[in-house]
Amino acid sequence: MLTRLSIRNIVLIEALDLDFGPGLAVLTGETGAGKSILLDALGLVLGARADSGLVRQGTDQASVTASFELAADSPVLATVADNGLDAEPGEPLLVRRMVKADGGSRAFINDQPCSAALLREIGTALVEIHGQHDDRGLMNPRGHRLLLDHYGRCDSAGVAGAYARWTGARDALEAARADLAAATTEREWLAHAVTELTAFAPVVGEEEELAEERAAMQKGARLTDDLSALSGLFDGSDGGLSQMRQAARRLDRIAAEHPSLEHALAALDRALIEAGEAEEHVAAATEALAVDPARLDAIEVRLFDLRALARKYAVAADELATLAAELSDKLTRIDAGEEGLAALEKAEATARTAYLAAAKALGDQRRTAAERLDEAVASELAPLKLDAARFRTAVDPLDEGQWGPGGMDRVEFLISTNPGAPFAPLIKIASGGELSRFILVLKVALAERGGATTMIFDEIDRGVGGAVASAIGDRLSRLASGGQLLVVTHSPQVAARGAAHLLIAKASEGTITRTGVRALDDAERREEIARMLSGAAITPEARAQADRLLEGV
């Protein structure tokens, strides 16, 4: 619900702050007083195109701020949050728009910058404006089906679920068919690849292990001569160790004869120990680097074949084992594809049948609801001086390509304004006054405010008076029950129905003209309705008639 509107420097409005409450509020004033300026300002803050012509002459910029109270579950809050902006349930939602004299504009939601597109999106959900040339809301056929479903309490949710299951089954079937068609053309290649890879039996990590073993053997081959010579120097009666042991035995017999000989014996014993360890390490290295020519050949063949397969299938060597499993699975699916495809076809057919049944039942509900809506609208036409008009809710089948979660029906509200004239969409109606009254009739019949928290009717009573204006006022009052309506009106019968009455007027001071709006008290309201009845000169008869209108509410 709109609770406050603040306008600064919009055309003739210098500064204006208005508070709003629930129910029906009427806005009156003489022709040219500036009612359209007020609606233009409201349209600007709701995302309409920014026009530098709205900026009051002599000022740099104009601004409009609107405050709304929303229910905790309002979809507007979700939309704001989805766009990364803060909006707390229970707190007012502040929407602001600024326009510079050079044409630039900025938009804010809760003092956070936002795009004009987002402002338009939430503006449509916050306020619904119906005027002489409105091309949104009830005139847009895209929303007619949803309105009819709401009116008739039609079960569209069940159809949406059935459609999701059908499209899911259909997508799975199409994907399986595409896979099978593509795979069948390469079956021969797959069979060869699986046979080749299975026979080779690649193992993850095998390339690294083979390369390391091959490198070790190649190193051993290069060191064979040196290792053999070292072994000869260590081993045998003429080897170095044998000579050192003989020297140690001789020293041992004579070491007691002189201290230096004892030191020599000790040093030789240490050398023998170190030499023995050296001999053991050389022997270990010789064993580790021993070369088996047959094994080396086998390793090289395996390694070369492994790398050749990796190049052939354009994968890393360690991925060959995984590839073999994937290709084997694919070949298995091809071989079992027809059987699996038959199961998917059956599932798709079952889901389609279920969708068709649910959509047909929904269509039947819609046609029943359409008949009731047509009768409800017809009963409202005559009191609003539309007795020559006819209304019809067309529920027509869609082509299969247009079926969707909303069913198989196209819904559109059609009218015929004159006897014998063909039915046509609401948007093509010729008379703006008739259009506004038709919208009111539909709103009353549907008892639906289009999801917006606030509705505005701009001069819905133009060109009518007396009983018709009274009927319009009665219906506006009914529609405002439990909601919020703002009506711009020239009709005293409509004005008398308002729970609140705002007067817009122009005032001039020298060359400066300003437009202002103020709430009227009971006495002022009586005078304004009397003016609307009699014109410039308010007569006692007009005041008496104003009293009767106000008492009759």
Protein backbone atom coordinates (compact mmCIF):
# COMPACT_ATOMS: atom_id res chain seq x y z
CA MET A 1 0.00 0.00 0.00
CA LEU A 2 1.20 3.51 -0.87
CA THR A 3 1.60 5.43 2.39
CA ARG A 4 3.44 8.60 1.40
CA LEU A 5 4.39 10.48 -1.75
CA SER A 6 6.95 13.31 -1.73
CA ILE A 7 7.44 15.42 -4.86
CA ARG A 8 10.07 18.08 -5.43
CA ASN A 9 10.31 20.39 -8.45
CA ILE A 10 8.08 18.46 -10.86
CA VAL A 11 6.69 20.95 -13.43
CA LEU A 12 4.36 23.20 -11.37
CA ILE A 13 4.80 21.26 -8.13
CA GLU A 14 7.52 22.88 -6.05
CA ALA A 15 7.24 20.78 -2.89
CA LEU A 16 4.46 18.37 -2.00
CA ASP A 17 4.11 15.68 0.67
CA LEU A 18 0.99 13.50 0.65
CA ASP A 19 -0.04 10.77 3.08
CA PHE A 20 -2.34 7.94 2.01
CA GLY A 21 -4.33 5.30 3.83
CA PRO A 22 -6.36 2.26 2.85
CA GLY A 23 -9.68 2.42 1.04
CA LEU A 24 -10.88 4.81 -1.64
CA ALA A 25 -9.17 8.19 -1.99
CA VAL A 26 -10.52 10.68 -4.56
CA LEU A 27 -8.57 13.46 -6.22
CA THR A 28 -10.51 16.39 -7.65
CA GLY A 29 -9.77 19.84 -9.03
CA GLU A 30 -10.62 22.10 -11.89
CA THR A 31 -9.52 21.21 -15.40
CA GLY A 32 -5.87 22.22 -15.88
CA ALA A 33 -5.13 22.28 -12.17
CA GLY A 34 -2.41 19.69 -12.60
CA LYS A 35 -3.86 16.27 -11.86
CA SER A 36 -1.87 14.79 -14.76
CA ILE A 37 1.32 16.22 -13.22
CA LEU A 38 0.67 14.26 -10.05
CA LEU A 39 0.17 11.03 -12.04
CA ASP A 40 3.28 11.77 -14.14
CA ALA A 41 5.28 12.13 -10.94
CA LEU A 42 3.94 8.85 -9.63
CA GLY A 43 4.69 7.18 -12.97
CA LEU A 44 8.26 8.51 -12.82
CA VAL A 45 8.97 6.95 -9.43
CA LEU A 46 7.48 3.67 -10.70
CA GLY A 47 9.95 3.45 -13.58
CA ALA A 48 8.43 5.47 -16.43
CA ARG A 49 10.79 7.09 -18.92
CA ALA A 50 12.65 10.02 -17.39
CA ASP A 51 11.84 13.27 -19.22
CA SER A 52 13.81 16.43 -18.52
CA GLY A 53 10.60 18.34 -19.31
CA LEU A 54 9.31 17.25 -15.88
CA VAL A 55 11.97 19.34 -14.11
CA ARG A 56 10.53 22.61 -12.78
CA GLN A 57 11.84 25.59 -14.66
CA GLY A 58 14.75 27.29 -12.93
CA THR A 59 15.82 24.18 -10.94
CA ASP A 60 18.62 21.68 -11.56
CA GLN A 61 16.75 18.49 -10.75
CA ALA A 62 13.46 16.98 -9.70
CA SER A 63 12.77 14.07 -7.39
CA VAL A 64 9.88 11.84 -6.36
CA THR A 65 9.91 9.52 -3.35
CA ALA A 66 7.20 6.96 -2.60
CA SER A 67 6.86 4.89 0.56
CA PHE A 68 5.03 1.56 0.57
CA GLU A 69 3.93 -0.82 3.31
CA LEU A 70 4.13 -4.44 2.15
CA ALA A 71 3.08 -7.78 3.56
CA ALA A 72 5.92 -9.98 4.80
CA ASP A 73 5.28 -12.44 1.96
CA SER A 74 5.08 -9.79 -0.78
CA PRO A 75 6.80 -10.94 -4.00
CA VAL A 76 8.22 -7.42 -4.31
CA LEU A 77 10.53 -8.11 -1.37
CA ALA A 78 11.77 -11.27 -3.06
CA THR A 79 12.40 -9.38 -6.31
CA VAL A 80 14.37 -6.70 -4.48
CA ALA A 81 16.44 -9.33 -2.64
CA ASP A 82 17.09 -11.26 -5.85
CA ASN A 83 18.66 -8.11 -7.27
CA GLY A 84 21.10 -7.80 -4.38
CA LEU A 85 19.31 -4.99 -2.51
CA ASP A 86 18.26 -4.88 1.14
CA ALA A 87 14.57 -4.85 2.07
CA GLU A 88 13.39 -5.92 5.51
CA PRO A 89 9.89 -7.39 6.00
CA GLY A 90 7.81 -5.08 8.16
CA GLU A 91 9.84 -2.02 7.19
CA PRO A 92 8.62 0.59 4.64
CA LEU A 93 9.90 0.19 1.10
CA LEU A 94 11.25 3.53 -0.13
CA VAL A 95 11.42 4.11 -3.88
CA ARG A 96 13.05 7.28 -5.21
CA ARG A 97 13.70 8.70 -8.66
CA MET A 98 15.72 11.78 -9.53
CA VAL A 99 15.77 13.57 -12.91
CA LYS A 100 18.26 16.26 -13.88
CA ALA A 101 17.52 19.19 -16.13
CA ASP A 102 19.97 17.76 -18.68
CA GLY A 103 17.95 14.53 -18.90
CA GLY A 104 20.04 12.25 -16.68
CA SER A 105 18.25 10.21 -14.04
CA ARG A 106 18.98 7.99 -11.06
CA ALA A 107 16.84 5.45 -9.22
CA PHE A 108 17.02 4.15 -5.65
CA ILE A 109 15.31 1.46 -3.59
CA ASN A 110 15.75 1.93 0.16
CA ASP A 111 18.47 4.48 -0.69
CA GLN A 112 20.39 1.86 -2.67
CA PRO A 113 21.07 2.61 -6.37
CA CYS A 114 19.13 0.45 -8.80
CA SER A 115 18.28 0.32 -12.49
CA ALA A 116 15.21 1.90 -14.04
CA ALA A 117 14.33 -1.57 -15.35
CA LEU A 118 14.13 -2.94 -11.79
CA LEU A 119 12.08 0.09 -10.78
CA ARG A 120 9.62 -0.68 -13.60
CA GLU A 121 9.46 -4.33 -12.56
CA ILE A 122 8.55 -3.67 -8.96
CA GLY A 123 6.47 -0.62 -9.92
CA THR A 124 4.12 -2.84 -11.88
CA ALA A 125 3.65 -5.01 -8.79
CA LEU A 126 3.23 -2.04 -6.44
CA VAL A 127 0.83 0.20 -8.35
CA GLU A 128 -1.60 -0.55 -11.15
CA ILE A 129 -2.66 2.51 -13.13
CA HIS A 130 -5.71 2.51 -15.40
CA GLY A 131 -6.21 5.53 -17.61
CA GLN A 132 -7.64 6.57 -20.94
CA HIS A 133 -4.71 5.11 -22.85
CA ASP A 134 -3.43 2.43 -20.51
CA ASP A 135 -1.94 -0.52 -22.38
CA ARG A 136 -1.07 -2.72 -19.42
CA GLY A 137 -2.89 -4.79 -16.83
CA LEU A 138 -6.23 -6.12 -17.98
CA MET A 139 -5.68 -5.09 -21.59
CA ASN A 140 -2.62 -7.30 -21.95
CA PRO A 141 -3.80 -10.76 -23.11
CA ARG A 142 -0.72 -12.37 -21.58
CA GLY A 143 -2.27 -11.96 -18.14
CA HIS A 144 -5.83 -12.99 -18.99
CA ARG A 145 -5.30 -16.72 -18.46
CA LEU A 146 -3.87 -16.20 -14.99
CA LEU A 147 -6.76 -13.90 -14.08
CA LEU A 148 -9.32 -16.45 -15.25
CA ASP A 149 -7.56 -19.24 -13.35
CA HIS A 150 -7.63 -17.16 -10.20
CA TYR A 151 -11.29 -16.30 -10.70
CA GLY A 152 -12.30 -19.91 -11.35
CA ARG A 153 -9.88 -21.43 -8.81
CA CYS A 154 -8.56 -23.58 -11.63
CA ASP A 155 -5.88 -26.14 -10.76
CA SER A 156 -3.03 -24.91 -12.94
CA ALA A 157 -0.37 -26.13 -10.47
CA GLY A 158 -1.19 -29.78 -11.19
CA VAL A 159 -0.82 -29.15 -14.92
CA ALA A 160 2.53 -27.43 -14.37
CA GLY A 161 3.80 -30.50 -12.51
CA ALA A 162 2.54 -32.86 -15.22
CA TYR A 163 4.17 -30.69 -17.88
CA ALA A 164 7.51 -30.75 -16.03
CA ARG A 165 7.39 -34.55 -15.82
CA TRP A 166 6.46 -34.86 -19.49
CA THR A 167 9.18 -32.50 -20.73
CA GLY A 168 11.70 -34.26 -18.48
CA ALA A 169 10.79 -37.64 -19.96
CA ARG A 170 10.78 -36.19 -23.48
CA ASP A 171 14.20 -34.61 -23.02
CA ALA A 172 15.61 -37.89 -21.70
CA LEU A 173 14.18 -39.76 -24.69
CA GLU A 174 15.55 -37.24 -27.20
CA ALA A 175 18.97 -37.32 -25.57
CA ALA A 176 18.99 -41.13 -25.64
CA ARG A 177 17.97 -41.16 -29.29
CA ALA A 178 20.71 -38.67 -30.18
CA ASP A 179 23.29 -40.66 -28.24
CA LEU A 180 22.20 -43.90 -29.84
CA ALA A 181 22.23 -42.43 -33.36
CA ALA A 182 25.69 -40.93 -32.88
CA ALA A 183 27.06 -44.02 -31.18
CA THR A 184 25.71 -46.47 -33.75
CA THR A 185 27.70 -44.79 -36.52
CA GLU A 186 30.92 -45.38 -34.58
CA ARG A 187 30.19 -48.86 -33.28
CA GLU A 188 32.85 -50.51 -35.44
CA TRP A 189 35.47 -48.10 -34.21
CA LEU A 190 34.31 -48.58 -30.63
CA ALA A 191 34.54 -52.36 -30.90
CA HIS A 192 38.10 -52.14 -32.28
CA ALA A 193 39.15 -49.63 -29.60
CA VAL A 194 37.70 -51.67 -26.75
CA THR A 195 39.37 -54.86 -28.07
CA GLU A 196 42.72 -53.13 -28.47
CA LEU A 197 42.67 -51.41 -25.08
CA THR A 198 41.35 -54.45 -23.25
CA ALA A 199 44.09 -56.64 -24.75
CA PHE A 200 46.78 -54.13 -23.81
CA ALA A 201 45.30 -53.72 -20.29
CA PRO A 202 46.88 -50.37 -19.38
CA VAL A 203 47.38 -49.64 -15.68
CA VAL A 204 47.36 -46.24 -14.01
CA GLY A 205 50.93 -45.23 -13.10
CA GLU A 206 52.45 -47.83 -15.42
CA GLU A 207 54.24 -45.35 -17.66
CA GLU A 208 56.19 -43.83 -14.77
CA GLU A 209 57.17 -47.23 -13.38
CA LEU A 210 58.36 -48.52 -16.76
CA ALA A 211 60.30 -45.35 -17.48
CA GLU A 212 62.08 -45.51 -14.11
CA GLU A 213 63.01 -49.21 -14.53
CA ARG A 214 64.21 -48.63 -18.08
CA ALA A 215 66.35 -45.68 -16.97
CA ALA A 216 67.92 -47.77 -14.18
CA MET A 217 68.82 -50.59 -16.61
CA GLN A 218 70.27 -48.18 -19.14
CA LYS A 219 72.42 -46.67 -16.41
CA GLY A 220 73.61 -50.14 -15.37
CA ALA A 221 74.61 -50.94 -18.94
CA ARG A 222 76.78 -47.84 -19.07
CA LEU A 223 78.51 -48.75 -15.75
CA THR A 224 79.07 -52.47 -16.41
CA ASP A 225 82.79 -52.19 -17.28
CA ASP A 226 83.59 -49.94 -14.35
CA LEU A 227 81.73 -52.13 -11.89
CA SER A 228 83.45 -55.26 -13.21
CA ALA A 229 86.89 -53.64 -12.88
CA LEU A 230 86.10 -52.53 -9.32
CA SER A 231 85.01 -56.02 -8.37
CA GLY A 232 88.33 -57.37 -9.75
CA LEU A 233 90.32 -54.91 -7.69
CA PHE A 234 88.52 -55.93 -4.53
CA ASP A 235 88.34 -59.72 -5.07
CA GLY A 236 91.06 -62.48 -5.51
CA SER A 237 94.44 -63.22 -3.98
CA ASP A 238 95.97 -60.34 -5.86
CA GLY A 239 93.19 -57.92 -5.01
CA GLY A 240 93.69 -54.83 -2.93
CA LEU A 241 91.88 -56.19 0.12
CA SER A 242 93.94 -59.40 0.09
CA GLN A 243 97.18 -57.41 -0.03
CA MET A 244 96.03 -55.20 2.84
CA ARG A 245 95.11 -58.23 4.98
CA GLN A 246 98.57 -59.78 4.39
CA ALA A 247 100.17 -56.52 5.42
CA ALA A 248 98.06 -56.44 8.57
CA ARG A 249 99.15 -59.96 9.57
CA ARG A 250 102.86 -59.07 9.19
CA LEU A 251 102.41 -55.86 11.19
CA ASP A 252 100.59 -57.75 13.89
CA ARG A 253 103.71 -59.97 14.43
CA ILE A 254 106.11 -57.04 14.78
CA ALA A 255 103.95 -54.19 16.09
CA ALA A 256 105.19 -54.67 19.67
CA GLU A 257 108.69 -53.84 18.59
CA HIS A 258 107.96 -50.15 18.08
CA PRO A 259 105.11 -47.74 18.81
CA SER A 260 104.95 -46.52 15.21
CA LEU A 261 104.31 -50.04 14.07
CA GLU A 262 101.38 -50.24 16.51
CA HIS A 263 99.97 -47.04 15.05
CA ALA A 264 100.46 -48.38 11.57
CA LEU A 265 98.59 -51.58 12.48
CA ALA A 266 95.68 -49.61 13.95
CA ALA A 267 95.41 -47.42 10.87
CA LEU A 268 95.52 -50.47 8.62
CA ASP A 269 92.74 -52.14 10.62
CA ARG A 270 90.59 -49.07 10.14
CA ALA A 271 91.34 -49.03 6.44
CA LEU A 272 90.34 -52.68 6.16
CA ILE A 273 86.98 -51.93 7.77
CA GLU A 274 86.27 -49.02 5.41
CA ALA A 275 87.48 -51.01 2.41
CA GLY A 276 85.20 -53.89 3.40
CA GLU A 277 82.22 -51.52 3.48
CA ALA A 278 83.22 -50.10 0.12
CA GLU A 279 83.35 -53.62 -1.30
CA GLU A 280 79.84 -54.34 0.04
CA HIS A 281 78.40 -51.12 -1.51
CA VAL A 282 80.00 -51.84 -4.86
CA ALA A 283 78.55 -55.35 -4.77
CA ALA A 284 75.08 -53.98 -3.91
CA ALA A 285 75.27 -51.44 -6.73
CA THR A 286 76.41 -54.12 -9.14
CA GLU A 287 73.43 -56.27 -8.20
CA ALA A 288 70.96 -53.34 -8.41
CA LEU A 289 72.26 -52.20 -11.77
CA ALA A 290 72.48 -55.63 -13.24
CA VAL A 291 71.16 -55.63 -16.77
CA ASP A 292 68.81 -58.27 -18.14
CA PRO A 293 68.78 -57.59 -21.90
CA ALA A 294 65.54 -59.50 -22.38
CA ARG A 295 63.84 -57.57 -19.59
CA LEU A 296 65.14 -54.26 -20.96
CA ASP A 297 63.76 -55.08 -24.40
CA ALA A 298 60.39 -56.03 -22.93
CA ILE A 299 60.21 -52.80 -20.91
CA GLU A 300 61.04 -50.65 -23.92
CA VAL A 301 58.47 -52.38 -26.12
CA ARG A 302 55.75 -51.99 -23.47
CA LEU A 303 56.64 -48.36 -22.82
CA PHE A 304 56.72 -47.45 -26.51
CA ASP A 305 53.41 -49.22 -27.16
CA LEU A 306 51.80 -47.51 -24.16
CA ARG A 307 52.83 -44.07 -25.37
CA ALA A 308 51.75 -44.87 -28.92
CA LEU A 309 48.26 -45.81 -27.68
CA ALA A 310 48.05 -42.58 -25.68
CA ARG A 311 48.91 -40.57 -28.80
CA LYS A 312 46.42 -42.55 -30.87
CA TYR A 313 43.53 -41.87 -28.51
CA ALA A 314 44.68 -38.33 -27.66
CA VAL A 315 44.81 -38.89 -23.90
CA ALA A 316 47.51 -39.14 -21.27
CA ALA A 317 48.92 -42.62 -20.75
CA ASP A 318 47.43 -42.77 -17.26
CA GLU A 319 43.97 -42.04 -18.73
CA LEU A 320 43.96 -45.06 -21.05
CA ALA A 321 42.50 -47.38 -18.41
CA THR A 322 39.62 -44.95 -17.74
CA LEU A 323 39.07 -44.48 -21.47
CA ALA A 324 38.90 -48.22 -21.96
CA ALA A 325 36.15 -48.46 -19.32
CA GLU A 326 34.20 -45.53 -20.81
CA LEU A 327 34.32 -46.89 -24.34
CA SER A 328 33.33 -50.33 -23.09
CA ASP A 329 30.32 -48.82 -21.28
CA LYS A 330 29.36 -46.88 -24.39
CA LEU A 331 29.56 -50.03 -26.50
CA THR A 332 27.42 -51.85 -23.95
CA ARG A 333 24.82 -49.06 -24.07
CA ILE A 334 24.72 -49.28 -27.84
CA ASP A 335 24.18 -53.01 -27.69
CA ALA A 336 21.43 -52.54 -25.10
CA GLY A 337 20.23 -49.24 -26.56
CA GLU A 338 17.08 -50.45 -28.27
CA GLU A 339 15.77 -52.01 -25.09
CA GLY A 340 16.55 -48.86 -23.05
CA LEU A 341 15.06 -46.65 -25.74
CA ALA A 342 11.83 -48.60 -25.63
CA ALA A 343 11.57 -48.01 -21.87
CA LEU A 344 12.15 -44.28 -22.33
CA GLU A 345 9.55 -44.12 -25.10
CA LYS A 346 7.03 -45.79 -22.84
CA ALA A 347 7.82 -43.36 -19.99
CA GLU A 348 7.45 -40.37 -22.33
CA ALA A 349 4.14 -41.62 -23.69
CA THR A 350 2.81 -42.18 -20.17
CA ALA A 351 3.88 -38.69 -19.05
CA ARG A 352 2.35 -37.11 -22.17
CA THR A 353 -0.96 -38.88 -21.59
CA ALA A 354 -0.99 -37.67 -17.98
CA TYR A 355 -0.28 -34.08 -19.10
CA LEU A 356 -3.00 -34.20 -21.77
CA ALA A 357 -5.52 -35.43 -19.23
CA ALA A 358 -4.59 -32.76 -16.67
CA ALA A 359 -4.52 -29.99 -19.31
CA LYS A 360 -7.90 -31.04 -20.71
CA ALA A 361 -9.42 -31.02 -17.24
CA LEU A 362 -7.94 -27.56 -16.69
CA GLY A 363 -9.37 -26.40 -20.01
CA ASP A 364 -12.82 -27.64 -18.97
CA GLN A 365 -12.51 -25.73 -15.69
CA ARG A 366 -11.52 -22.61 -17.60
CA ARG A 367 -14.49 -22.83 -19.94
CA THR A 368 -16.85 -23.22 -17.00
CA ALA A 369 -15.19 -20.28 -15.24
CA ALA A 370 -15.36 -18.24 -18.48
CA GLU A 371 -19.13 -18.70 -18.64
CA ARG A 372 -19.51 -17.53 -15.05
CA LEU A 373 -17.22 -14.55 -15.67
CA ASP A 374 -19.14 -13.58 -18.79
CA GLU A 375 -22.40 -13.60 -16.80
CA ALA A 376 -20.82 -11.58 -13.98
CA VAL A 377 -19.50 -8.96 -16.40
CA ALA A 378 -22.80 -8.81 -18.29
CA SER A 379 -24.64 -7.99 -15.08
CA GLU A 380 -22.39 -4.97 -14.52
CA LEU A 381 -22.57 -3.45 -18.02
CA ALA A 382 -25.99 -1.79 -18.04
CA PRO A 383 -25.55 0.26 -14.82
CA LEU A 384 -22.38 1.73 -16.33
CA LYS A 385 -24.11 2.76 -19.56
CA LEU A 386 -22.51 -0.11 -21.48
CA ASP A 387 -25.76 -1.96 -22.12
CA ALA A 388 -25.08 -2.13 -25.88
CA ALA A 389 -21.75 -3.85 -25.28
CA ARG A 390 -21.08 -7.55 -25.02
CA PHE A 391 -18.21 -9.33 -23.29
CA ARG A 392 -16.78 -12.76 -23.98
CA THR A 393 -13.94 -14.74 -22.48
CA ALA A 394 -12.40 -16.67 -25.36
CA VAL A 395 -10.76 -19.96 -24.36
CA ASP A 396 -9.16 -21.39 -27.51
CA PRO A 397 -6.81 -24.35 -28.02
CA LEU A 398 -3.12 -23.69 -28.61
CA ASP A 399 -0.97 -25.47 -31.18
CA GLU A 400 1.09 -28.25 -29.64
CA GLY A 401 4.25 -26.20 -30.02
CA GLN A 402 2.71 -23.62 -27.68
CA TRP A 403 1.66 -26.03 -24.94
CA GLY A 404 3.29 -25.32 -21.63
CA PRO A 405 3.03 -25.49 -17.84
CA GLY A 406 -0.09 -23.33 -18.08
CA GLY A 407 -1.91 -25.85 -20.22
CA MET A 408 -3.12 -26.00 -23.81
CA ASP A 409 -5.43 -22.97 -23.85
CA ARG A 410 -5.20 -19.37 -24.96
CA VAL A 411 -7.40 -17.03 -22.93
CA GLU A 412 -8.36 -13.53 -24.03
CA PHE A 413 -11.01 -11.05 -22.94
CA LEU A 414 -12.98 -9.78 -25.97
CA ILE A 415 -15.65 -7.10 -26.32
CA SER A 416 -18.15 -5.86 -28.83
CA THR A 417 -19.24 -2.29 -28.20
CA ASN A 418 -22.17 -2.12 -30.63
CA PRO A 419 -24.90 -4.55 -31.68
CA GLY A 420 -23.72 -6.68 -34.57
CA ALA A 421 -20.10 -5.56 -34.23
CA PRO A 422 -17.52 -8.36 -34.08
CA PHE A 423 -15.72 -9.17 -30.87
CA ALA A 424 -12.25 -7.63 -30.58
CA PRO A 425 -9.50 -7.45 -27.96
CA LEU A 426 -9.92 -4.91 -25.18
CA ILE A 427 -6.91 -2.95 -26.36
CA LYS A 428 -8.63 -2.17 -29.67
CA ILE A 429 -11.67 -0.48 -28.12
CA ALA A 430 -12.25 2.98 -29.63
CA SER A 431 -13.58 4.99 -26.68
CA GLY A 432 -11.25 5.73 -23.78
CA GLY A 433 -14.19 6.28 -21.45
CA GLU A 434 -15.70 2.93 -22.38
CA LEU A 435 -12.32 1.31 -21.89
CA SER A 436 -11.96 2.64 -18.35
CA ARG A 437 -15.45 1.49 -17.45
CA PHE A 438 -14.82 -1.94 -18.93
CA ILE A 439 -11.68 -2.23 -16.81
CA LEU A 440 -13.70 -1.29 -13.74
CA VAL A 441 -16.34 -3.88 -14.62
CA LEU A 442 -13.70 -6.56 -14.98
CA LYS A 443 -11.99 -5.56 -11.78
CA VAL A 444 -15.25 -5.80 -9.88
CA ALA A 445 -16.22 -9.10 -11.51
CA LEU A 446 -12.81 -10.63 -10.93
CA ALA A 447 -12.45 -9.11 -7.45
CA GLU A 448 -8.75 -9.07 -8.22
CA ARG A 449 -6.29 -6.21 -8.03
CA GLY A 450 -3.75 -7.70 -10.46
CA GLY A 451 -1.27 -8.38 -7.68
CA ALA A 452 -0.59 -4.66 -7.17
CA THR A 453 -1.00 -3.23 -3.67
CA THR A 454 -2.48 0.00 -5.02
CA MET A 455 -4.79 0.80 -7.95
CA ILE A 456 -5.29 4.14 -9.63
CA PHE A 457 -8.14 5.04 -11.99
CA ASP A 458 -7.67 8.19 -14.01
CA GLU A 459 -10.96 9.91 -14.99
CA ILE A 460 -12.85 6.64 -15.28
CA ASP A 461 -16.10 8.67 -15.17
CA ARG A 462 -15.33 10.96 -18.10
CA GLY A 463 -18.37 11.63 -20.27
CA VAL A 464 -20.92 10.14 -17.87
CA GLY A 465 -23.05 11.54 -15.09
CA GLY A 466 -26.06 10.96 -12.91
CA ALA A 467 -26.95 7.32 -12.31
CA VAL A 468 -23.94 6.03 -14.26
CA ALA A 469 -21.51 8.10 -12.22
CA SER A 470 -23.23 6.89 -9.05
CA ALA A 471 -22.88 3.28 -10.23
CA ILE A 472 -19.19 3.87 -10.93
CA GLY A 473 -18.73 5.30 -7.46
CA ASP A 474 -20.51 2.33 -5.91
CA ARG A 475 -18.29 -0.14 -7.74
CA LEU A 476 -15.12 1.75 -6.92
CA SER A 477 -16.10 1.72 -3.26
CA ARG A 478 -16.68 -2.04 -3.40
CA LEU A 479 -13.38 -2.61 -5.15
CA ALA A 480 -11.54 -0.51 -2.54
CA SER A 481 -12.82 -2.67 0.29
CA GLY A 482 -9.78 -4.28 1.86
CA GLY A 483 -7.40 -2.52 -0.54
CA GLN A 484 -6.29 0.90 -1.70
CA LEU A 485 -7.67 2.89 -4.64
CA LEU A 486 -6.86 6.40 -5.81
CA VAL A 487 -9.36 7.87 -8.29
CA VAL A 488 -8.95 11.05 -10.30
CA THR A 489 -12.50 12.19 -10.94
CA HIS A 490 -14.70 15.03 -12.19
CA SER A 491 -17.84 13.36 -10.88
CA PRO A 492 -19.40 14.53 -7.59
CA GLN A 493 -21.13 11.15 -7.28
CA VAL A 494 -17.73 9.40 -7.33
CA ALA A 495 -16.07 12.01 -5.13
CA ALA A 496 -18.74 11.51 -2.47
CA ARG A 497 -17.74 7.85 -2.17
CA GLY A 498 -14.17 8.57 -1.10
CA ALA A 499 -12.88 7.72 2.34
CA ALA A 500 -10.38 10.53 1.77
CA HIS A 501 -10.65 13.56 -0.50
CA LEU A 502 -7.65 15.39 -1.99
CA LEU A 503 -7.97 18.69 -3.82
CA ILE A 504 -5.45 19.79 -6.42
CA ALA A 505 -5.29 23.45 -7.34
CA LYS A 506 -3.02 26.01 -9.00
CA ALA A 507 -1.99 29.30 -7.41
CA SER A 508 -0.07 32.17 -8.98
CA GLU A 509 2.19 34.75 -7.35
CA GLY A 510 3.24 37.23 -9.99
CA THR A 511 4.92 35.22 -12.72
CA ILE A 512 5.31 32.11 -10.57
CA THR A 513 2.63 29.39 -10.74
CA ARG A 514 2.53 26.48 -8.32
CA THR A 515 0.35 23.40 -8.06
CA GLY A 516 -0.57 22.07 -4.63
CA VAL A 517 -2.58 19.22 -3.19
CA ARG A 518 -4.23 19.14 0.21
CA ALA A 519 -6.57 16.86 2.11
CA LEU A 520 -10.05 18.26 2.70
CA ASP A 521 -11.95 18.13 5.95
CA ASP A 522 -15.68 17.46 6.01
CA ALA A 523 -16.71 21.06 5.48
CA GLU A 524 -14.20 21.64 2.70
CA ARG A 525 -15.22 18.42 1.08
CA ARG A 526 -18.87 19.56 1.06
CA GLU A 527 -17.86 22.80 -0.65
CA GLU A 528 -15.75 21.00 -3.28
CA ILE A 529 -18.55 18.56 -4.17
CA ALA A 530 -20.96 21.49 -4.37
CA ARG A 531 -18.53 23.23 -6.76
CA MET A 532 -18.37 20.11 -8.88
CA LEU A 533 -22.19 20.13 -9.01
CA SER A 534 -22.76 23.79 -9.81
CA GLY A 535 -19.56 25.18 -11.32
CA ALA A 536 -17.81 28.38 -10.29
CA ALA A 537 -20.73 29.86 -8.35
CA ILE A 538 -21.71 27.56 -5.51
CA THR A 539 -25.43 27.76 -4.83
CA PRO A 540 -27.41 26.68 -1.76
CA GLU A 541 -29.04 24.05 -3.94
CA ALA A 542 -25.62 22.66 -4.83
CA ARG A 543 -24.66 22.50 -1.15
CA ALA A 544 -27.88 20.73 -0.35
CA GLN A 545 -27.28 18.24 -3.15
CA ALA A 546 -23.71 17.72 -1.89
CA ASP A 547 -25.11 16.96 1.56
CA ARG A 548 -27.50 14.40 0.06
CA LEU A 549 -24.64 12.71 -1.84
CA LEU A 550 -22.50 12.54 1.27
CA GLU A 551 -25.35 11.29 3.43
CA GLY A 552 -26.21 8.61 0.89
CA VAL A 553 -22.78 7.02 1.07
